[in-house]
Amino acid sequence: ARQFRDILENADREGLEPKSYHLKSIARQWGSIHAAKRAR
């Protein structure tokens, strides 16, 4: 998961748009101990 998030944050290296891959939403749920947030 950490490796994939890093790939997504640097997707512009492949000529792609990082914002296309839910990065803001991922950041809001990241590291939570709550089951609902971990599921999201």
Full PDB file with SEQRES, HELIX, SHEET, SSBOND, CRYST1, ORIGX, SCALE, CONECT and MASTER records, all heavy atoms in Angstrom:
SEQRES   1 A   40  ALA ARG GLN PHE ARG ASP ILE LEU GLU ASN ALA ASP ARG          
SEQRES   2 A   40  GLU GLY LEU GLU PRO LYS SER TYR HIS LEU LYS SER ILE          
SEQRES   3 A   40  ALA ARG GLN TRP GLY SER ILE HIS ALA ALA LYS ARG ALA          
SEQRES   4 A   40  ARG                                                          
HELIX    1 AA1 ARG A    2  GLU A    9  1                                   8    
HELIX    2 AA2 ALA A   11  GLU A   14  5                                   4    
HELIX    3 AA3 PRO A   18  TYR A   21  5                                   4    
HELIX    4 AA4 LEU A   23  GLN A   29  1                                   7    
HELIX    5 AA5 ALA A   35  ALA A   39  1                                   5    
CRYST1    1.000    1.000    1.000  90.00  90.00  90.00 P 1           1          
ORIGX1      1.000000  0.000000  0.000000        0.00000                         
ORIGX2      0.000000  1.000000  0.000000        0.00000                         
ORIGX3      0.000000  0.000000  1.000000        0.00000                         
SCALE1      1.000000  0.000000  0.000000        0.00000                         
SCALE2      0.000000  1.000000  0.000000        0.00000                         
SCALE3      0.000000  0.000000  1.000000        0.00000                         
ATOM      1  N   ALA A   1       0.835  -1.205   0.000  1.00  0.00           N  
ATOM      2  CA  ALA A   1       0.000   0.000   0.000  1.00  0.00           C  
ATOM      3  C   ALA A   1       0.865   1.248   0.000  1.00  0.00           C  
ATOM      4  O   ALA A   1       0.576   2.223  -0.724  1.00  0.00           O  
ATOM      5  CB  ALA A   1      -0.930  -0.004   1.206  1.00  0.00           C  
ATOM      6  N   ARG A   2       1.915   1.258   0.803  1.00  0.00           N  
ATOM      7  CA  ARG A   2       2.807   2.420   0.828  1.00  0.00           C  
ATOM      8  C   ARG A   2       3.524   2.589  -0.506  1.00  0.00           C  
ATOM      9  O   ARG A   2       3.694   3.707  -1.007  1.00  0.00           O  
ATOM     10  CB  ARG A   2       3.806   2.274   1.977  1.00  0.00           C  
ATOM     11  CG  ARG A   2       3.155   2.316   3.358  1.00  0.00           C  
ATOM     12  CD  ARG A   2       4.183   2.535   4.453  1.00  0.00           C  
ATOM     13  NE  ARG A   2       5.115   1.410   4.566  1.00  0.00           N  
ATOM     14  CZ  ARG A   2       4.914   0.352   5.340  1.00  0.00           C  
ATOM     15  NH1 ARG A   2       3.787   0.255   6.048  1.00  0.00           N  
ATOM     16  NH2 ARG A   2       5.805  -0.618   5.410  1.00  0.00           N  
ATOM     17  N   GLN A   3       3.943   1.469  -1.085  1.00  0.00           N  
ATOM     18  CA  GLN A   3       4.616   1.538  -2.384  1.00  0.00           C  
ATOM     19  C   GLN A   3       3.671   2.036  -3.478  1.00  0.00           C  
ATOM     20  O   GLN A   3       4.047   2.856  -4.319  1.00  0.00           O  
ATOM     21  CB  GLN A   3       5.160   0.152  -2.745  1.00  0.00           C  
ATOM     22  CG  GLN A   3       6.280  -0.316  -1.830  1.00  0.00           C  
ATOM     23  CD  GLN A   3       6.641  -1.774  -2.054  1.00  0.00           C  
ATOM     24  OE1 GLN A   3       5.806  -2.577  -2.499  1.00  0.00           O  
ATOM     25  NE2 GLN A   3       7.880  -2.138  -1.760  1.00  0.00           N  
ATOM     26  N   PHE A   4       2.426   1.550  -3.426  1.00  0.00           N  
ATOM     27  CA  PHE A   4       1.459   1.960  -4.444  1.00  0.00           C  
ATOM     28  C   PHE A   4       1.103   3.440  -4.302  1.00  0.00           C  
ATOM     29  O   PHE A   4       0.982   4.164  -5.293  1.00  0.00           O  
ATOM     30  CB  PHE A   4       0.208   1.093  -4.336  1.00  0.00           C  
ATOM     31  CG  PHE A   4      -0.827   1.366  -5.395  1.00  0.00           C  
ATOM     32  CD1 PHE A   4      -0.447   1.568  -6.719  1.00  0.00           C  
ATOM     33  CD2 PHE A   4      -2.168   1.439  -5.076  1.00  0.00           C  
ATOM     34  CE1 PHE A   4      -1.395   1.823  -7.704  1.00  0.00           C  
ATOM     35  CE2 PHE A   4      -3.127   1.692  -6.054  1.00  0.00           C  
ATOM     36  CZ  PHE A   4      -2.738   1.885  -7.365  1.00  0.00           C  
ATOM     37  N   ARG A   5       0.949   3.904  -3.079  1.00  0.00           N  
ATOM     38  CA  ARG A   5       0.646   5.329  -2.876  1.00  0.00           C  
ATOM     39  C   ARG A   5       1.770   6.198  -3.431  1.00  0.00           C  
ATOM     40  O   ARG A   5       1.514   7.240  -4.057  1.00  0.00           O  
ATOM     41  CB  ARG A   5       0.438   5.604  -1.388  1.00  0.00           C  
ATOM     42  CG  ARG A   5      -0.006   7.044  -1.103  1.00  0.00           C  
ATOM     43  CD  ARG A   5      -0.165   7.291   0.385  1.00  0.00           C  
ATOM     44  NE  ARG A   5      -0.602   8.667   0.645  1.00  0.00           N  
ATOM     45  CZ  ARG A   5      -0.742   9.187   1.855  1.00  0.00           C  
ATOM     46  NH1 ARG A   5      -0.507   8.449   2.939  1.00  0.00           N  
ATOM     47  NH2 ARG A   5      -1.135  10.450   2.006  1.00  0.00           N  
ATOM     48  N   ASP A   6       2.988   5.775  -3.224  1.00  0.00           N  
ATOM     49  CA  ASP A   6       4.123   6.536  -3.764  1.00  0.00           C  
ATOM     50  C   ASP A   6       4.085   6.556  -5.294  1.00  0.00           C  
ATOM     51  O   ASP A   6       4.348   7.597  -5.917  1.00  0.00           O  
ATOM     52  CB  ASP A   6       5.438   5.923  -3.278  1.00  0.00           C  
ATOM     53  CG  ASP A   6       6.647   6.705  -3.771  1.00  0.00           C  
ATOM     54  OD1 ASP A   6       6.814   7.864  -3.374  1.00  0.00           O  
ATOM     55  OD2 ASP A   6       7.415   6.149  -4.582  1.00  0.00           O  
ATOM     56  N   ILE A   7       3.749   5.426  -5.907  1.00  0.00           N  
ATOM     57  CA  ILE A   7       3.623   5.359  -7.367  1.00  0.00           C  
ATOM     58  C   ILE A   7       2.546   6.322  -7.847  1.00  0.00           C  
ATOM     59  O   ILE A   7       2.722   7.060  -8.829  1.00  0.00           O  
ATOM     60  CB  ILE A   7       3.300   3.924  -7.819  1.00  0.00           C  
ATOM     61  CG1 ILE A   7       4.514   3.005  -7.629  1.00  0.00           C  
ATOM     62  CG2 ILE A   7       2.818   3.890  -9.273  1.00  0.00           C  
ATOM     63  CD1 ILE A   7       5.613   3.174  -8.641  1.00  0.00           C  
ATOM     64  N   LEU A   8       1.405   6.350  -7.150  1.00  0.00           N  
ATOM     65  CA  LEU A   8       0.305   7.224  -7.558  1.00  0.00           C  
ATOM     66  C   LEU A   8       0.683   8.694  -7.421  1.00  0.00           C  
ATOM     67  O   LEU A   8       0.349   9.519  -8.286  1.00  0.00           O  
ATOM     68  CB  LEU A   8      -0.933   6.931  -6.710  1.00  0.00           C  
ATOM     69  CG  LEU A   8      -1.585   5.553  -6.874  1.00  0.00           C  
ATOM     70  CD1 LEU A   8      -2.792   5.435  -5.959  1.00  0.00           C  
ATOM     71  CD2 LEU A   8      -1.982   5.307  -8.326  1.00  0.00           C  
ATOM     72  N   GLU A   9       1.372   9.027  -6.348  1.00  0.00           N  
ATOM     73  CA  GLU A   9       1.771  10.423  -6.136  1.00  0.00           C  
ATOM     74  C   GLU A   9       2.769  10.894  -7.178  1.00  0.00           C  
ATOM     75  O   GLU A   9       2.909  12.100  -7.412  1.00  0.00           O  
ATOM     76  CB  GLU A   9       2.347  10.580  -4.724  1.00  0.00           C  
ATOM     77  CG  GLU A   9       1.294  10.474  -3.630  1.00  0.00           C  
ATOM     78  CD  GLU A   9       1.876  10.482  -2.228  1.00  0.00           C  
ATOM     79  OE1 GLU A   9       3.120  10.252  -2.101  1.00  0.00           O  
ATOM     80  OE2 GLU A   9       1.120  10.689  -1.262  1.00  0.00           O  
ATOM     81  N   ASN A  10       3.431   9.945  -7.832  1.00  0.00           N  
ATOM     82  CA  ASN A  10       4.408  10.287  -8.873  1.00  0.00           C  
ATOM     83  C   ASN A  10       3.954   9.811 -10.256  1.00  0.00           C  
ATOM     84  O   ASN A  10       4.780   9.598 -11.144  1.00  0.00           O  
ATOM     85  CB  ASN A  10       5.768   9.679  -8.531  1.00  0.00           C  
ATOM     86  CG  ASN A  10       6.389  10.308  -7.300  1.00  0.00           C  
ATOM     87  OD1 ASN A  10       6.936  11.411  -7.365  1.00  0.00           O  
ATOM     88  ND2 ASN A  10       6.279   9.638  -6.167  1.00  0.00           N  
ATOM     89  N   ALA A  11       2.641   9.666 -10.441  1.00  0.00           N  
ATOM     90  CA  ALA A  11       2.124   9.195 -11.724  1.00  0.00           C  
ATOM     91  C   ALA A  11       2.426  10.156 -12.855  1.00  0.00           C  
ATOM     92  O   ALA A  11       2.424   9.774 -14.029  1.00  0.00           O  
ATOM     93  CB  ALA A  11       0.610   8.981 -11.625  1.00  0.00           C  
ATOM     94  N   ASP A  12       2.710  11.425 -12.521  1.00  0.00           N  
ATOM     95  CA  ASP A  12       3.048  12.389 -13.575  1.00  0.00           C  
ATOM     96  C   ASP A  12       4.339  12.017 -14.289  1.00  0.00           C  
ATOM     97  O   ASP A  12       4.575  12.457 -15.416  1.00  0.00           O  
ATOM     98  CB  ASP A  12       3.145  13.808 -13.014  1.00  0.00           C  
ATOM     99  CG  ASP A  12       4.160  13.928 -11.885  1.00  0.00           C  
ATOM    100  OD1 ASP A  12       4.522  12.896 -11.289  1.00  0.00           O  
ATOM    101  OD2 ASP A  12       4.578  15.070 -11.599  1.00  0.00           O  
ATOM    102  N   ARG A  13       5.163  11.177 -13.682  1.00  0.00           N  
ATOM    103  CA  ARG A  13       6.380  10.720 -14.362  1.00  0.00           C  
ATOM    104  C   ARG A  13       6.035   9.888 -15.591  1.00  0.00           C  
ATOM    105  O   ARG A  13       6.818   9.810 -16.535  1.00  0.00           O  
ATOM    106  CB  ARG A  13       7.234   9.884 -13.405  1.00  0.00           C  
ATOM    107  CG  ARG A  13       7.790  10.660 -12.217  1.00  0.00           C  
ATOM    108  CD  ARG A  13       8.523   9.728 -11.254  1.00  0.00           C  
ATOM    109  NE  ARG A  13       9.012  10.440 -10.078  1.00  0.00           N  
ATOM    110  CZ  ARG A  13       9.560   9.850  -9.020  1.00  0.00           C  
ATOM    111  NH1 ARG A  13       9.694   8.508  -9.017  1.00  0.00           N  
ATOM    112  NH2 ARG A  13       9.977  10.560  -7.991  1.00  0.00           N  
ATOM    113  N   GLU A  14       4.867   9.253 -15.558  1.00  0.00           N  
ATOM    114  CA  GLU A  14       4.396   8.469 -16.704  1.00  0.00           C  
ATOM    115  C   GLU A  14       3.495   9.300 -17.628  1.00  0.00           C  
ATOM    116  O   GLU A  14       2.840   8.756 -18.517  1.00  0.00           O  
ATOM    117  CB  GLU A  14       3.628   7.238 -16.218  1.00  0.00           C  
ATOM    118  CG  GLU A  14       4.386   6.343 -15.256  1.00  0.00           C  
ATOM    119  CD  GLU A  14       5.527   5.582 -15.927  1.00  0.00           C  
ATOM    120  OE1 GLU A  14       5.529   5.481 -17.168  1.00  0.00           O  
ATOM    121  OE2 GLU A  14       6.420   5.097 -15.205  1.00  0.00           O  
ATOM    122  N   GLY A  15       3.451  10.600 -17.392  1.00  0.00           N  
ATOM    123  CA  GLY A  15       2.579  11.444 -18.208  1.00  0.00           C  
ATOM    124  C   GLY A  15       1.122  11.334 -17.812  1.00  0.00           C  
ATOM    125  O   GLY A  15       0.242  11.705 -18.590  1.00  0.00           O  
ATOM    126  N   LEU A  16       0.845  10.839 -16.606  1.00  0.00           N  
ATOM    127  CA  LEU A  16      -0.513  10.682 -16.114  1.00  0.00           C  
ATOM    128  C   LEU A  16      -0.810  11.727 -15.043  1.00  0.00           C  
ATOM    129  O   LEU A  16       0.088  12.459 -14.608  1.00  0.00           O  
ATOM    130  CB  LEU A  16      -0.712   9.271 -15.561  1.00  0.00           C  
ATOM    131  CG  LEU A  16      -0.463   8.130 -16.555  1.00  0.00           C  
ATOM    132  CD1 LEU A  16      -0.505   6.781 -15.840  1.00  0.00           C  
ATOM    133  CD2 LEU A  16      -1.470   8.161 -17.691  1.00  0.00           C  
ATOM    134  N   GLU A  17      -2.060  11.784 -14.583  1.00  0.00           N  
ATOM    135  CA  GLU A  17      -2.493  12.775 -13.615  1.00  0.00           C  
ATOM    136  C   GLU A  17      -2.684  12.141 -12.242  1.00  0.00           C  
ATOM    137  O   GLU A  17      -3.617  11.342 -12.058  1.00  0.00           O  
ATOM    138  CB  GLU A  17      -3.807  13.406 -14.066  1.00  0.00           C  
ATOM    139  CG  GLU A  17      -3.646  14.440 -15.157  1.00  0.00           C  
ATOM    140  CD  GLU A  17      -2.749  15.574 -14.718  1.00  0.00           C  
ATOM    141  OE1 GLU A  17      -3.021  16.202 -13.669  1.00  0.00           O  
ATOM    142  OE2 GLU A  17      -1.758  15.831 -15.411  1.00  0.00           O  
ATOM    143  N   PRO A  18      -1.843  12.465 -11.251  1.00  0.00           N  
ATOM    144  CA  PRO A  18      -2.013  11.886  -9.916  1.00  0.00           C  
ATOM    145  C   PRO A  18      -3.407  12.123  -9.335  1.00  0.00           C  
ATOM    146  O   PRO A  18      -3.938  11.261  -8.622  1.00  0.00           O  
ATOM    147  CB  PRO A  18      -0.935  12.608  -9.087  1.00  0.00           C  
ATOM    148  CG  PRO A  18       0.121  12.966 -10.091  1.00  0.00           C  
ATOM    149  CD  PRO A  18      -0.632  13.306 -11.345  1.00  0.00           C  
ATOM    150  N   LYS A  19      -4.030  13.247  -9.639  1.00  0.00           N  
ATOM    151  CA  LYS A  19      -5.337  13.557  -9.058  1.00  0.00           C  
ATOM    152  C   LYS A  19      -6.437  12.611  -9.558  1.00  0.00           C  
ATOM    153  O   LYS A  19      -7.545  12.611  -8.999  1.00  0.00           O  
ATOM    154  CB  LYS A  19      -5.723  15.000  -9.365  1.00  0.00           C  
ATOM    155  CG  LYS A  19      -5.931  15.303 -10.834  1.00  0.00           C  
ATOM    156  CD  LYS A  19      -6.236  16.779 -11.047  1.00  0.00           C  
ATOM    157  CE  LYS A  19      -6.458  17.101 -12.517  1.00  0.00           C  
ATOM    158  NZ  LYS A  19      -6.688  18.545 -12.733  1.00  0.00           N  
ATOM    159  N   SER A  20      -6.137  11.815 -10.583  1.00  0.00           N  
ATOM    160  CA  SER A  20      -7.136  10.867 -11.098  1.00  0.00           C  
ATOM    161  C   SER A  20      -7.306   9.650 -10.204  1.00  0.00           C  
ATOM    162  O   SER A  20      -8.208   8.843 -10.438  1.00  0.00           O  
ATOM    163  CB  SER A  20      -6.723  10.389 -12.501  1.00  0.00           C  
ATOM    164  OG  SER A  20      -6.638  11.465 -13.411  1.00  0.00           O  
ATOM    165  N   TYR A  21      -6.456   9.514  -9.158  1.00  0.00           N  
ATOM    166  CA  TYR A  21      -6.390   8.250  -8.425  1.00  0.00           C  
ATOM    167  C   TYR A  21      -6.742   8.407  -6.938  1.00  0.00           C  
ATOM    168  O   TYR A  21      -6.147   7.745  -6.091  1.00  0.00           O  
ATOM    169  CB  TYR A  21      -5.003   7.634  -8.613  1.00  0.00           C  
ATOM    170  CG  TYR A  21      -4.626   7.541 -10.074  1.00  0.00           C  
ATOM    171  CD1 TYR A  21      -3.589   8.302 -10.603  1.00  0.00           C  
ATOM    172  CD2 TYR A  21      -5.367   6.751 -10.945  1.00  0.00           C  
ATOM    173  CE1 TYR A  21      -3.275   8.244 -11.951  1.00  0.00           C  
ATOM    174  CE2 TYR A  21      -5.063   6.695 -12.300  1.00  0.00           C  
ATOM    175  CZ  TYR A  21      -4.025   7.447 -12.796  1.00  0.00           C  
ATOM    176  OH  TYR A  21      -3.724   7.407 -14.146  1.00  0.00           O  
ATOM    177  N   HIS A  22      -7.713   9.268  -6.633  1.00  0.00           N  
ATOM    178  CA  HIS A  22      -8.314   9.379  -5.285  1.00  0.00           C  
ATOM    179  C   HIS A  22      -7.304   9.743  -4.200  1.00  0.00           C  
ATOM    180  O   HIS A  22      -7.507   9.408  -3.018  1.00  0.00           O  
ATOM    181  CB  HIS A  22      -8.998   8.056  -4.866  1.00  0.00           C  
ATOM    182  CG  HIS A  22      -9.786   7.373  -5.924  1.00  0.00           C  
ATOM    183  ND1 HIS A  22     -10.677   8.035  -6.751  1.00  0.00           N  
ATOM    184  CD2 HIS A  22      -9.845   6.061  -6.311  1.00  0.00           C  
ATOM    185  CE1 HIS A  22     -11.235   7.161  -7.575  1.00  0.00           C  
ATOM    186  NE2 HIS A  22     -10.742   5.963  -7.347  1.00  0.00           N  
ATOM    187  N   LEU A  23      -6.230  10.441  -4.538  1.00  0.00           N  
ATOM    188  CA  LEU A  23      -5.164  10.647  -3.543  1.00  0.00           C  
ATOM    189  C   LEU A  23      -5.624  11.465  -2.343  1.00  0.00           C  
ATOM    190  O   LEU A  23      -5.208  11.185  -1.207  1.00  0.00           O  
ATOM    191  CB  LEU A  23      -3.954  11.300  -4.217  1.00  0.00           C  
ATOM    192  CG  LEU A  23      -3.077  10.336  -5.024  1.00  0.00           C  
ATOM    193  CD1 LEU A  23      -2.047  11.082  -5.839  1.00  0.00           C  
ATOM    194  CD2 LEU A  23      -2.392   9.332  -4.092  1.00  0.00           C  
ATOM    195  N   LYS A  24      -6.476  12.456  -2.537  1.00  0.00           N  
ATOM    196  CA  LYS A  24      -6.954  13.237  -1.389  1.00  0.00           C  
ATOM    197  C   LYS A  24      -7.802  12.388  -0.461  1.00  0.00           C  
ATOM    198  O   LYS A  24      -7.671  12.462   0.770  1.00  0.00           O  
ATOM    199  CB  LYS A  24      -7.738  14.448  -1.883  1.00  0.00           C  
ATOM    200  CG  LYS A  24      -6.876  15.538  -2.520  1.00  0.00           C  
ATOM    201  CD  LYS A  24      -7.719  16.751  -2.884  1.00  0.00           C  
ATOM    202  CE  LYS A  24      -6.846  17.855  -3.470  1.00  0.00           C  
ATOM    203  NZ  LYS A  24      -7.641  19.069  -3.843  1.00  0.00           N  
ATOM    204  N   SER A  25      -8.667  11.575  -1.041  1.00  0.00           N  
ATOM    205  CA  SER A  25      -9.507  10.701  -0.217  1.00  0.00           C  
ATOM    206  C   SER A  25      -8.666   9.652   0.491  1.00  0.00           C  
ATOM    207  O   SER A  25      -8.925   9.303   1.653  1.00  0.00           O  
ATOM    208  CB  SER A  25     -10.576  10.030  -1.082  1.00  0.00           C  
ATOM    209  OG  SER A  25     -11.440  10.994  -1.654  1.00  0.00           O  
ATOM    210  N   ILE A  26      -7.656   9.130  -0.214  1.00  0.00           N  
ATOM    211  CA  ILE A  26      -6.760   8.142   0.396  1.00  0.00           C  
ATOM    212  C   ILE A  26      -6.039   8.748   1.593  1.00  0.00           C  
ATOM    213  O   ILE A  26      -5.913   8.117   2.654  1.00  0.00           O  
ATOM    214  CB  ILE A  26      -5.754   7.617  -0.653  1.00  0.00           C  
ATOM    215  CG1 ILE A  26      -6.471   6.683  -1.642  1.00  0.00           C  
ATOM    216  CG2 ILE A  26      -4.589   6.890   0.018  1.00  0.00           C  
ATOM    217  CD1 ILE A  26      -5.625   6.282  -2.845  1.00  0.00           C  
ATOM    218  N   ALA A  27      -5.595   9.988   1.463  1.00  0.00           N  
ATOM    219  CA  ALA A  27      -4.870  10.648   2.556  1.00  0.00           C  
ATOM    220  C   ALA A  27      -5.763  10.816   3.787  1.00  0.00           C  
ATOM    221  O   ALA A  27      -5.285  10.709   4.932  1.00  0.00           O  
ATOM    222  CB  ALA A  27      -4.356  12.007   2.084  1.00  0.00           C  
ATOM    223  N   ARG A  28      -7.055  11.065   3.568  1.00  0.00           N  
ATOM    224  CA  ARG A  28      -7.966  11.270   4.706  1.00  0.00           C  
ATOM    225  C   ARG A  28      -8.195   9.984   5.505  1.00  0.00           C  
ATOM    226  O   ARG A  28      -8.448  10.042   6.708  1.00  0.00           O  
ATOM    227  CB  ARG A  28      -9.300  11.828   4.212  1.00  0.00           C  
ATOM    228  CG  ARG A  28      -9.230  13.299   3.797  1.00  0.00           C  
ATOM    229  CD  ARG A  28     -10.633  13.887   3.662  1.00  0.00           C  
ATOM    230  NE  ARG A  28     -11.352  13.315   2.534  1.00  0.00           N  
ATOM    231  CZ  ARG A  28     -11.364  13.845   1.316  1.00  0.00           C  
ATOM    232  NH1 ARG A  28     -10.673  14.957   1.072  1.00  0.00           N  
ATOM    233  NH2 ARG A  28     -12.053  13.273   0.340  1.00  0.00           N  
ATOM    234  N   GLN A  29      -8.113   8.844   4.833  1.00  0.00           N  
ATOM    235  CA  GLN A  29      -8.346   7.570   5.518  1.00  0.00           C  
ATOM    236  C   GLN A  29      -7.052   6.934   6.026  1.00  0.00           C  
ATOM    237  O   GLN A  29      -7.105   5.996   6.828  1.00  0.00           O  
ATOM    238  CB  GLN A  29      -9.033   6.571   4.560  1.00  0.00           C  
ATOM    239  CG  GLN A  29     -10.149   7.123   3.699  1.00  0.00           C  
ATOM    240  CD  GLN A  29     -11.302   7.700   4.484  1.00  0.00           C  
ATOM    241  OE1 GLN A  29     -11.638   7.203   5.552  1.00  0.00           O  
ATOM    242  NE2 GLN A  29     -11.915   8.761   3.969  1.00  0.00           N  
ATOM    243  N   TRP A  30      -5.926   7.424   5.568  1.00  0.00           N  
ATOM    244  CA  TRP A  30      -4.639   6.762   5.823  1.00  0.00           C  
ATOM    245  C   TRP A  30      -4.302   6.740   7.329  1.00  0.00           C  
ATOM    246  O   TRP A  30      -4.389   7.755   8.009  1.00  0.00           O  
ATOM    247  CB  TRP A  30      -3.551   7.500   5.055  1.00  0.00           C  
ATOM    248  CG  TRP A  30      -2.258   6.735   4.951  1.00  0.00           C  
ATOM    249  CD1 TRP A  30      -1.189   6.801   5.795  1.00  0.00           C  
ATOM    250  CD2 TRP A  30      -1.901   5.800   3.936  1.00  0.00           C  
ATOM    251  NE1 TRP A  30      -0.196   5.967   5.394  1.00  0.00           N  
ATOM    252  CE2 TRP A  30      -0.593   5.331   4.240  1.00  0.00           C  
ATOM    253  CE3 TRP A  30      -2.550   5.307   2.819  1.00  0.00           C  
ATOM    254  CZ2 TRP A  30       0.062   4.403   3.449  1.00  0.00           C  
ATOM    255  CZ3 TRP A  30      -1.894   4.385   2.030  1.00  0.00           C  
ATOM    256  CH2 TRP A  30      -0.606   3.941   2.335  1.00  0.00           C  
ATOM    257  N   GLY A  31      -3.934   5.584   7.822  1.00  0.00           N  
ATOM    258  CA  GLY A  31      -3.444   5.458   9.195  1.00  0.00           C  
ATOM    259  C   GLY A  31      -4.518   5.344  10.250  1.00  0.00           C  
ATOM    260  O   GLY A  31      -4.204   5.237  11.444  1.00  0.00           O  
ATOM    261  N   SER A  32      -5.797   5.370   9.875  1.00  0.00           N  
ATOM    262  CA  SER A  32      -6.857   5.292  10.874  1.00  0.00           C  
ATOM    263  C   SER A  32      -6.974   3.875  11.444  1.00  0.00           C  
ATOM    264  O   SER A  32      -6.751   2.888  10.743  1.00  0.00           O  
ATOM    265  CB  SER A  32      -8.193   5.702  10.242  1.00  0.00           C  
ATOM    266  OG  SER A  32      -9.244   5.518  11.172  1.00  0.00           O  
ATOM    267  N   ILE A  33      -7.346   3.789  12.734  1.00  0.00           N  
ATOM    268  CA  ILE A  33      -7.578   2.480  13.350  1.00  0.00           C  
ATOM    269  C   ILE A  33      -9.038   2.075  13.229  1.00  0.00           C  
ATOM    270  O   ILE A  33      -9.392   0.951  13.574  1.00  0.00           O  
ATOM    271  CB  ILE A  33      -7.161   2.477  14.835  1.00  0.00           C  
ATOM    272  CG1 ILE A  33      -8.053   3.426  15.648  1.00  0.00           C  
ATOM    273  CG2 ILE A  33      -5.691   2.818  14.988  1.00  0.00           C  
ATOM    274  CD1 ILE A  33      -7.880   3.289  17.151  1.00  0.00           C  
ATOM    275  N   HIS A  34      -9.892   2.969  12.753  1.00  0.00           N  
ATOM    276  CA  HIS A  34     -11.315   2.671  12.666  1.00  0.00           C  
ATOM    277  C   HIS A  34     -11.589   1.756  11.483  1.00  0.00           C  
ATOM    278  O   HIS A  34     -11.130   1.993  10.367  1.00  0.00           O  
ATOM    279  CB  HIS A  34     -12.122   3.962  12.540  1.00  0.00           C  
ATOM    280  CG  HIS A  34     -12.054   4.814  13.764  1.00  0.00           C  
ATOM    281  ND1 HIS A  34     -12.823   4.582  14.887  1.00  0.00           N  
ATOM    282  CD2 HIS A  34     -11.272   5.888  14.065  1.00  0.00           C  
ATOM    283  CE1 HIS A  34     -12.540   5.476  15.805  1.00  0.00           C  
ATOM    284  NE2 HIS A  34     -11.604   6.282  15.339  1.00  0.00           N  
ATOM    285  N   ALA A  35     -12.372   0.741  11.750  1.00  0.00           N  
ATOM    286  CA  ALA A  35     -12.641  -0.273  10.725  1.00  0.00           C  
ATOM    287  C   ALA A  35     -13.298   0.335   9.491  1.00  0.00           C  
ATOM    288  O   ALA A  35     -12.979  -0.037   8.357  1.00  0.00           O  
ATOM    289  CB  ALA A  35     -13.527  -1.372  11.301  1.00  0.00           C  
ATOM    290  N   ALA A  36     -14.222   1.259   9.679  1.00  0.00           N  
ATOM    291  CA  ALA A  36     -14.921   1.858   8.539  1.00  0.00           C  
ATOM    292  C   ALA A  36     -13.947   2.631   7.647  1.00  0.00           C  
ATOM    293  O   ALA A  36     -14.003   2.542   6.415  1.00  0.00           O  
ATOM    294  CB  ALA A  36     -16.041   2.767   9.026  1.00  0.00           C  
ATOM    295  N   LYS A  37     -13.062   3.381   8.282  1.00  0.00           N  
ATOM    296  CA  LYS A  37     -12.096   4.151   7.485  1.00  0.00           C  
ATOM    297  C   LYS A  37     -11.088   3.231   6.810  1.00  0.00           C  
ATOM    298  O   LYS A  37     -10.658   3.481   5.678  1.00  0.00           O  
ATOM    299  CB  LYS A  37     -11.383   5.173   8.369  1.00  0.00           C  
ATOM    300  CG  LYS A  37     -12.253   6.363   8.746  1.00  0.00           C  
ATOM    301  CD  LYS A  37     -11.426   7.488   9.347  1.00  0.00           C  
ATOM    302  CE  LYS A  37     -12.272   8.741   9.548  1.00  0.00           C  
ATOM    303  NZ  LYS A  37     -11.464   9.874  10.041  1.00  0.00           N  
ATOM    304  N   ARG A  38     -10.684   2.153   7.525  1.00  0.00           N  
ATOM    305  CA  ARG A  38      -9.758   1.213   6.900  1.00  0.00           C  
ATOM    306  C   ARG A  38     -10.415   0.517   5.710  1.00  0.00           C  
ATOM    307  O   ARG A  38      -9.777   0.245   4.699  1.00  0.00           O  
ATOM    308  CB  ARG A  38      -9.268   0.183   7.916  1.00  0.00           C  
ATOM    309  CG  ARG A  38      -8.288   0.762   8.932  1.00  0.00           C  
ATOM    310  CD  ARG A  38      -7.529  -0.316   9.683  1.00  0.00           C  
ATOM    311  NE  ARG A  38      -8.375  -1.036  10.628  1.00  0.00           N  
ATOM    312  CZ  ARG A  38      -8.719  -2.303  10.522  1.00  0.00           C  
ATOM    313  NH1 ARG A  38      -8.287  -3.001   9.474  1.00  0.00           N  
ATOM    314  NH2 ARG A  38      -9.469  -2.893  11.424  1.00  0.00           N  
ATOM    315  N   ALA A  39     -11.707   0.260   5.814  1.00  0.00           N  
ATOM    316  CA  ALA A  39     -12.432  -0.357   4.697  1.00  0.00           C  
ATOM    317  C   ALA A  39     -12.499   0.607   3.511  1.00  0.00           C  
ATOM    318  O   ALA A  39     -12.301   0.205   2.363  1.00  0.00           O  
ATOM    319  CB  ALA A  39     -13.833  -0.752   5.141  1.00  0.00           C  
ATOM    320  N   ARG A  40     -12.790   1.888   3.807  1.00  0.00           N  
ATOM    321  CA  ARG A  40     -12.829   2.881   2.722  1.00  0.00           C  
ATOM    322  C   ARG A  40     -11.456   2.998   2.058  1.00  0.00           C  
ATOM    323  O   ARG A  40     -11.357   3.111   0.835  1.00  0.00           O  
ATOM    324  CB  ARG A  40     -13.279   4.231   3.265  1.00  0.00           C  
ATOM    325  CG  ARG A  40     -14.726   4.282   3.711  1.00  0.00           C  
ATOM    326  CD  ARG A  40     -15.169   5.721   3.972  1.00  0.00           C  
ATOM    327  NE  ARG A  40     -16.478   5.781   4.577  1.00  0.00           N  
ATOM    328  CZ  ARG A  40     -16.719   5.894   5.882  1.00  0.00           C  
ATOM    329  NH1 ARG A  40     -15.681   5.964   6.726  1.00  0.00           N  
ATOM    330  NH2 ARG A  40     -17.951   5.934   6.351  1.00  0.00           N  
TER     331      ARG A  40                                                      
MASTER        0    0    0    5    0    0    0    6  330    1    0    4          
END                                                                             
